N, C-alpha and C. Protein backbone atom coordinates (compact mmCIF):
# COMPACT_ATOMS: atom_id res chain seq x y z
N MET A 1 -4.13 2.60 18.63
CA MET A 1 -5.20 1.67 18.92
C MET A 1 -6.53 2.41 18.83
N THR A 2 -7.58 1.66 18.62
CA THR A 2 -8.91 2.26 18.50
C THR A 2 -9.87 1.58 19.46
N SER A 3 -10.90 2.32 19.84
CA SER A 3 -11.98 1.75 20.65
C SER A 3 -13.23 2.57 20.39
N ILE A 4 -14.38 1.95 20.66
CA ILE A 4 -15.65 2.65 20.53
C ILE A 4 -16.09 3.08 21.91
N THR A 5 -16.34 4.37 22.09
CA THR A 5 -16.75 4.89 23.39
C THR A 5 -18.23 4.60 23.63
N GLN A 6 -18.68 4.81 24.86
CA GLN A 6 -20.08 4.54 25.19
C GLN A 6 -21.05 5.41 24.39
N ASP A 7 -20.61 6.59 23.96
CA ASP A 7 -21.53 7.43 23.18
C ASP A 7 -21.40 7.20 21.68
N GLY A 8 -20.67 6.15 21.26
CA GLY A 8 -20.61 5.77 19.85
C GLY A 8 -19.48 6.40 19.05
N GLN A 9 -18.64 7.17 19.66
CA GLN A 9 -17.52 7.75 18.94
C GLN A 9 -16.37 6.75 18.88
N ILE A 10 -15.55 6.89 17.85
CA ILE A 10 -14.35 6.08 17.74
C ILE A 10 -13.21 6.87 18.35
N GLU A 11 -12.52 6.27 19.30
CA GLU A 11 -11.37 6.93 19.91
C GLU A 11 -10.10 6.32 19.33
N PHE A 12 -9.25 7.18 18.78
CA PHE A 12 -7.95 6.78 18.25
C PHE A 12 -6.90 7.21 19.25
N ARG A 13 -5.97 6.29 19.58
CA ARG A 13 -4.86 6.60 20.49
C ARG A 13 -3.57 6.18 19.82
N PHE A 14 -2.59 7.08 19.83
CA PHE A 14 -1.31 6.84 19.16
C PHE A 14 -0.19 7.27 20.10
N PHE A 15 0.86 6.46 20.18
CA PHE A 15 1.98 6.77 21.06
C PHE A 15 3.22 7.09 20.23
N ARG A 16 3.77 8.28 20.45
CA ARG A 16 5.02 8.67 19.81
C ARG A 16 5.58 9.85 20.59
N GLN A 17 6.62 9.58 21.36
CA GLN A 17 7.22 10.65 22.16
C GLN A 17 8.06 11.57 21.27
N GLY A 18 8.11 12.83 21.65
CA GLY A 18 8.98 13.80 21.01
C GLY A 18 8.51 14.36 19.69
N VAL A 19 7.27 14.09 19.29
CA VAL A 19 6.77 14.68 18.05
C VAL A 19 5.97 15.94 18.37
N ARG A 20 5.87 16.81 17.38
CA ARG A 20 5.16 18.08 17.58
C ARG A 20 3.71 18.04 17.12
N SER A 21 3.40 17.16 16.15
CA SER A 21 2.02 17.08 15.68
C SER A 21 1.74 15.70 15.11
N VAL A 22 0.48 15.28 15.25
CA VAL A 22 0.03 13.99 14.72
C VAL A 22 -1.33 14.23 14.05
N GLN A 23 -1.49 13.68 12.86
CA GLN A 23 -2.76 13.74 12.15
C GLN A 23 -3.27 12.32 11.89
N LEU A 24 -4.57 12.17 11.94
CA LEU A 24 -5.24 10.92 11.58
C LEU A 24 -5.66 11.06 10.13
N VAL A 25 -5.21 10.14 9.27
CA VAL A 25 -5.54 10.20 7.84
C VAL A 25 -6.08 8.84 7.40
N GLY A 26 -6.87 8.86 6.34
CA GLY A 26 -7.39 7.60 5.84
C GLY A 26 -8.30 7.78 4.64
N ASP A 27 -8.97 6.70 4.28
CA ASP A 27 -9.87 6.77 3.14
C ASP A 27 -11.05 7.69 3.41
N PHE A 28 -11.34 7.98 4.66
CA PHE A 28 -12.44 8.88 5.04
C PHE A 28 -12.11 10.35 4.75
N ASN A 29 -10.84 10.68 4.50
CA ASN A 29 -10.49 12.07 4.15
C ASN A 29 -9.60 12.14 2.91
N GLY A 30 -9.68 11.09 2.07
CA GLY A 30 -8.91 11.08 0.83
C GLY A 30 -7.41 10.95 1.04
N TRP A 31 -6.99 10.45 2.20
CA TRP A 31 -5.58 10.28 2.55
C TRP A 31 -4.81 11.59 2.56
N ALA A 32 -5.48 12.69 2.85
CA ALA A 32 -4.81 13.99 2.92
C ALA A 32 -3.91 14.04 4.15
N LYS A 33 -2.63 14.36 3.96
CA LYS A 33 -1.68 14.42 5.08
C LYS A 33 -2.09 15.45 6.14
N SER A 34 -2.90 16.39 5.74
CA SER A 34 -3.38 17.41 6.69
C SER A 34 -4.67 16.94 7.35
N GLY A 35 -4.80 15.65 7.58
CA GLY A 35 -6.01 15.05 8.13
C GLY A 35 -6.44 15.63 9.46
N LEU A 36 -7.16 14.84 10.21
CA LEU A 36 -7.70 15.27 11.49
C LEU A 36 -6.57 15.41 12.51
N PRO A 37 -6.37 16.62 13.05
CA PRO A 37 -5.32 16.80 14.06
C PRO A 37 -5.65 16.03 15.34
N MET A 38 -4.67 15.32 15.86
CA MET A 38 -4.83 14.62 17.13
C MET A 38 -4.31 15.53 18.24
N GLN A 39 -4.82 15.33 19.43
CA GLN A 39 -4.47 16.18 20.57
C GLN A 39 -3.50 15.45 21.50
N PRO A 40 -2.49 16.15 22.00
CA PRO A 40 -1.58 15.50 22.96
C PRO A 40 -2.33 15.17 24.25
N ALA A 41 -2.09 13.96 24.76
CA ALA A 41 -2.74 13.52 26.00
C ALA A 41 -1.73 13.30 27.11
N GLY A 42 -0.49 13.64 26.88
CA GLY A 42 0.55 13.50 27.89
C GLY A 42 1.33 12.21 27.78
N ASP A 43 2.57 12.25 28.22
CA ASP A 43 3.46 11.09 28.24
C ASP A 43 3.63 10.43 26.87
N GLY A 44 3.57 11.21 25.78
CA GLY A 44 3.77 10.69 24.43
C GLY A 44 2.52 10.19 23.74
N TRP A 45 1.38 10.23 24.41
CA TRP A 45 0.11 9.76 23.82
C TRP A 45 -0.60 10.90 23.10
N TRP A 46 -1.25 10.55 21.99
CA TRP A 46 -2.07 11.47 21.19
C TRP A 46 -3.43 10.83 21.00
N THR A 47 -4.51 11.65 21.02
CA THR A 47 -5.86 11.10 20.88
C THR A 47 -6.70 11.93 19.91
N ALA A 48 -7.71 11.28 19.37
CA ALA A 48 -8.73 11.95 18.55
C ALA A 48 -10.00 11.12 18.68
N GLN A 49 -11.15 11.81 18.64
CA GLN A 49 -12.44 11.12 18.66
C GLN A 49 -13.23 11.57 17.43
N VAL A 50 -13.79 10.57 16.74
CA VAL A 50 -14.52 10.81 15.51
C VAL A 50 -15.74 9.91 15.50
N ARG A 51 -16.79 10.35 14.86
CA ARG A 51 -17.98 9.50 14.69
C ARG A 51 -18.04 9.08 13.22
N PHE A 52 -18.10 7.77 12.99
CA PHE A 52 -18.19 7.22 11.64
C PHE A 52 -19.47 6.41 11.50
N ASP A 53 -20.00 6.35 10.28
CA ASP A 53 -21.08 5.43 9.97
C ASP A 53 -20.53 4.01 10.03
N ALA A 54 -21.43 3.03 10.11
CA ALA A 54 -21.01 1.63 10.10
C ALA A 54 -20.26 1.33 8.81
N GLY A 55 -19.24 0.49 8.92
CA GLY A 55 -18.48 0.09 7.74
C GLY A 55 -17.02 -0.14 8.06
N GLU A 56 -16.23 -0.37 7.01
CA GLU A 56 -14.79 -0.57 7.15
C GLU A 56 -14.06 0.66 6.66
N TYR A 57 -13.03 1.03 7.37
CA TYR A 57 -12.22 2.19 7.03
C TYR A 57 -10.74 1.83 7.10
N ARG A 58 -9.94 2.44 6.22
CA ARG A 58 -8.50 2.29 6.25
C ARG A 58 -7.91 3.58 6.78
N PHE A 59 -6.87 3.47 7.62
CA PHE A 59 -6.30 4.69 8.19
C PHE A 59 -4.84 4.47 8.56
N ARG A 60 -4.15 5.60 8.80
CA ARG A 60 -2.78 5.63 9.33
C ARG A 60 -2.62 6.93 10.10
N TYR A 61 -1.52 7.04 10.81
CA TYR A 61 -1.18 8.25 11.54
C TYR A 61 0.00 8.91 10.83
N VAL A 62 0.04 10.25 10.83
CA VAL A 62 1.17 10.99 10.30
C VAL A 62 1.71 11.85 11.43
N ALA A 63 2.92 11.52 11.90
CA ALA A 63 3.55 12.24 13.02
C ALA A 63 4.76 12.98 12.48
N ASP A 64 4.70 14.30 12.54
CA ASP A 64 5.78 15.15 12.01
C ASP A 64 6.19 14.74 10.60
N GLY A 65 5.19 14.41 9.76
CA GLY A 65 5.43 14.08 8.36
C GLY A 65 5.75 12.63 8.08
N THR A 66 5.90 11.79 9.09
CA THR A 66 6.20 10.37 8.90
C THR A 66 4.95 9.54 9.13
N TRP A 67 4.69 8.59 8.21
CA TRP A 67 3.50 7.74 8.28
C TRP A 67 3.74 6.56 9.21
N PHE A 68 2.70 6.24 10.02
CA PHE A 68 2.76 5.11 10.95
C PHE A 68 1.50 4.27 10.83
N THR A 69 1.67 2.96 10.97
CA THR A 69 0.56 2.01 10.96
C THR A 69 0.15 1.70 12.39
N ASP A 70 -1.13 1.48 12.60
CA ASP A 70 -1.64 1.06 13.91
C ASP A 70 -1.76 -0.46 13.88
N TYR A 71 -0.75 -1.14 14.43
CA TYR A 71 -0.74 -2.60 14.40
C TYR A 71 -1.73 -3.21 15.39
N ALA A 72 -2.34 -2.41 16.25
CA ALA A 72 -3.34 -2.90 17.20
C ALA A 72 -4.76 -2.74 16.65
N ALA A 73 -4.88 -2.34 15.38
CA ALA A 73 -6.19 -2.13 14.77
C ALA A 73 -6.88 -3.47 14.50
N TYR A 74 -8.09 -3.41 13.96
CA TYR A 74 -8.88 -4.60 13.66
C TYR A 74 -8.14 -5.52 12.69
N GLY A 75 -7.40 -4.93 11.79
CA GLY A 75 -6.65 -5.71 10.81
C GLY A 75 -5.69 -4.82 10.05
N LEU A 76 -4.93 -5.42 9.15
CA LEU A 76 -3.96 -4.70 8.33
C LEU A 76 -4.18 -5.05 6.87
N GLU A 77 -3.82 -4.11 6.00
CA GLU A 77 -3.93 -4.32 4.57
C GLU A 77 -2.63 -3.85 3.93
N MET A 78 -1.96 -4.75 3.21
CA MET A 78 -0.71 -4.41 2.54
C MET A 78 -1.02 -3.62 1.27
N THR A 79 -0.32 -2.50 1.09
CA THR A 79 -0.45 -1.70 -0.13
C THR A 79 0.96 -1.43 -0.66
N LYS A 80 1.05 -0.79 -1.80
CA LYS A 80 2.37 -0.47 -2.35
C LYS A 80 3.10 0.55 -1.49
N ASN A 81 2.38 1.26 -0.61
CA ASN A 81 2.99 2.26 0.27
C ASN A 81 3.15 1.77 1.71
N GLY A 82 2.99 0.49 1.94
CA GLY A 82 3.09 -0.05 3.30
C GLY A 82 1.76 -0.58 3.78
N PHE A 83 1.67 -0.81 5.08
CA PHE A 83 0.45 -1.37 5.67
C PHE A 83 -0.51 -0.26 6.09
N ASN A 84 -1.77 -0.42 5.71
CA ASN A 84 -2.84 0.42 6.24
C ASN A 84 -3.51 -0.33 7.38
N SER A 85 -3.96 0.40 8.37
CA SER A 85 -4.73 -0.18 9.47
C SER A 85 -6.19 -0.22 9.07
N ILE A 86 -6.91 -1.20 9.57
CA ILE A 86 -8.34 -1.35 9.25
C ILE A 86 -9.15 -1.13 10.52
N LEU A 87 -10.17 -0.31 10.39
CA LEU A 87 -11.14 -0.06 11.46
C LEU A 87 -12.48 -0.59 10.99
N VAL A 88 -13.16 -1.35 11.83
CA VAL A 88 -14.50 -1.86 11.52
C VAL A 88 -15.47 -1.26 12.53
N VAL A 89 -16.44 -0.52 12.02
CA VAL A 89 -17.50 0.06 12.87
C VAL A 89 -18.75 -0.79 12.64
N PRO A 90 -19.21 -1.50 13.67
CA PRO A 90 -20.36 -2.39 13.48
C PRO A 90 -21.66 -1.63 13.27
N GLU A 91 -22.54 -2.23 12.48
CA GLU A 91 -23.84 -1.61 12.20
C GLU A 91 -24.72 -1.57 13.44
N THR A 92 -24.63 -2.56 14.28
CA THR A 92 -25.55 -2.67 15.41
C THR A 92 -25.23 -1.71 16.54
N PHE A 93 -24.09 -1.03 16.48
CA PHE A 93 -23.71 -0.20 17.61
C PHE A 93 -24.73 0.89 17.90
N GLY A 94 -25.34 1.45 16.88
CA GLY A 94 -26.26 2.55 17.09
C GLY A 94 -27.71 2.15 17.26
N ASP A 95 -28.05 0.85 17.24
CA ASP A 95 -29.46 0.48 17.29
C ASP A 95 -30.04 0.63 18.71
N ALA A 96 -31.33 0.54 18.81
CA ALA A 96 -32.03 0.79 20.08
C ALA A 96 -31.62 -0.19 21.17
N GLU A 97 -31.44 -1.47 20.82
CA GLU A 97 -31.05 -2.46 21.82
C GLU A 97 -29.71 -2.12 22.44
N GLN A 98 -28.76 -1.69 21.64
CA GLN A 98 -27.45 -1.29 22.14
C GLN A 98 -27.57 -0.06 23.04
N ALA A 99 -28.43 0.88 22.66
CA ALA A 99 -28.61 2.10 23.47
C ALA A 99 -29.15 1.74 24.85
N ILE A 100 -30.09 0.79 24.90
CA ILE A 100 -30.65 0.36 26.19
C ILE A 100 -29.57 -0.31 27.03
N ALA A 101 -28.76 -1.16 26.40
CA ALA A 101 -27.68 -1.86 27.11
C ALA A 101 -26.69 -0.85 27.66
N ARG A 102 -26.35 0.18 26.90
CA ARG A 102 -25.41 1.19 27.38
C ARG A 102 -25.97 1.94 28.58
N LYS A 103 -27.27 2.22 28.59
CA LYS A 103 -27.89 2.92 29.72
C LYS A 103 -27.83 2.07 30.99
N ARG A 104 -27.98 0.75 30.85
CA ARG A 104 -27.91 -0.14 32.01
C ARG A 104 -26.51 -0.15 32.61
N VAL A 105 -25.50 -0.05 31.77
CA VAL A 105 -24.12 -0.07 32.24
C VAL A 105 -23.77 1.22 32.95
N ALA A 106 -24.29 2.33 32.48
CA ALA A 106 -23.94 3.66 33.03
C ALA A 106 -24.45 3.88 34.43
């Protein structure tokens, strides 16, 4: 699953017990299996935080060499290799009005 943190980073969370490594891969890194390493967060959860420009991104997780789709993502896209997860980063997230709103919440 994905979420946008208060400081504008995208947080990726993936659950898979018993694996030794998980990488975040997608169109943002050319689908390289050696993508962004995710960190174990305990109890089978893995996390990564990344900052992306506004736009749409396709991604998947690779856990011990096996590809996984994030069905809790913004959407899914069928490809010849299975389903890709879709992440949408809104343009307005970084604007001044949003920054003021975030300060009020904090």
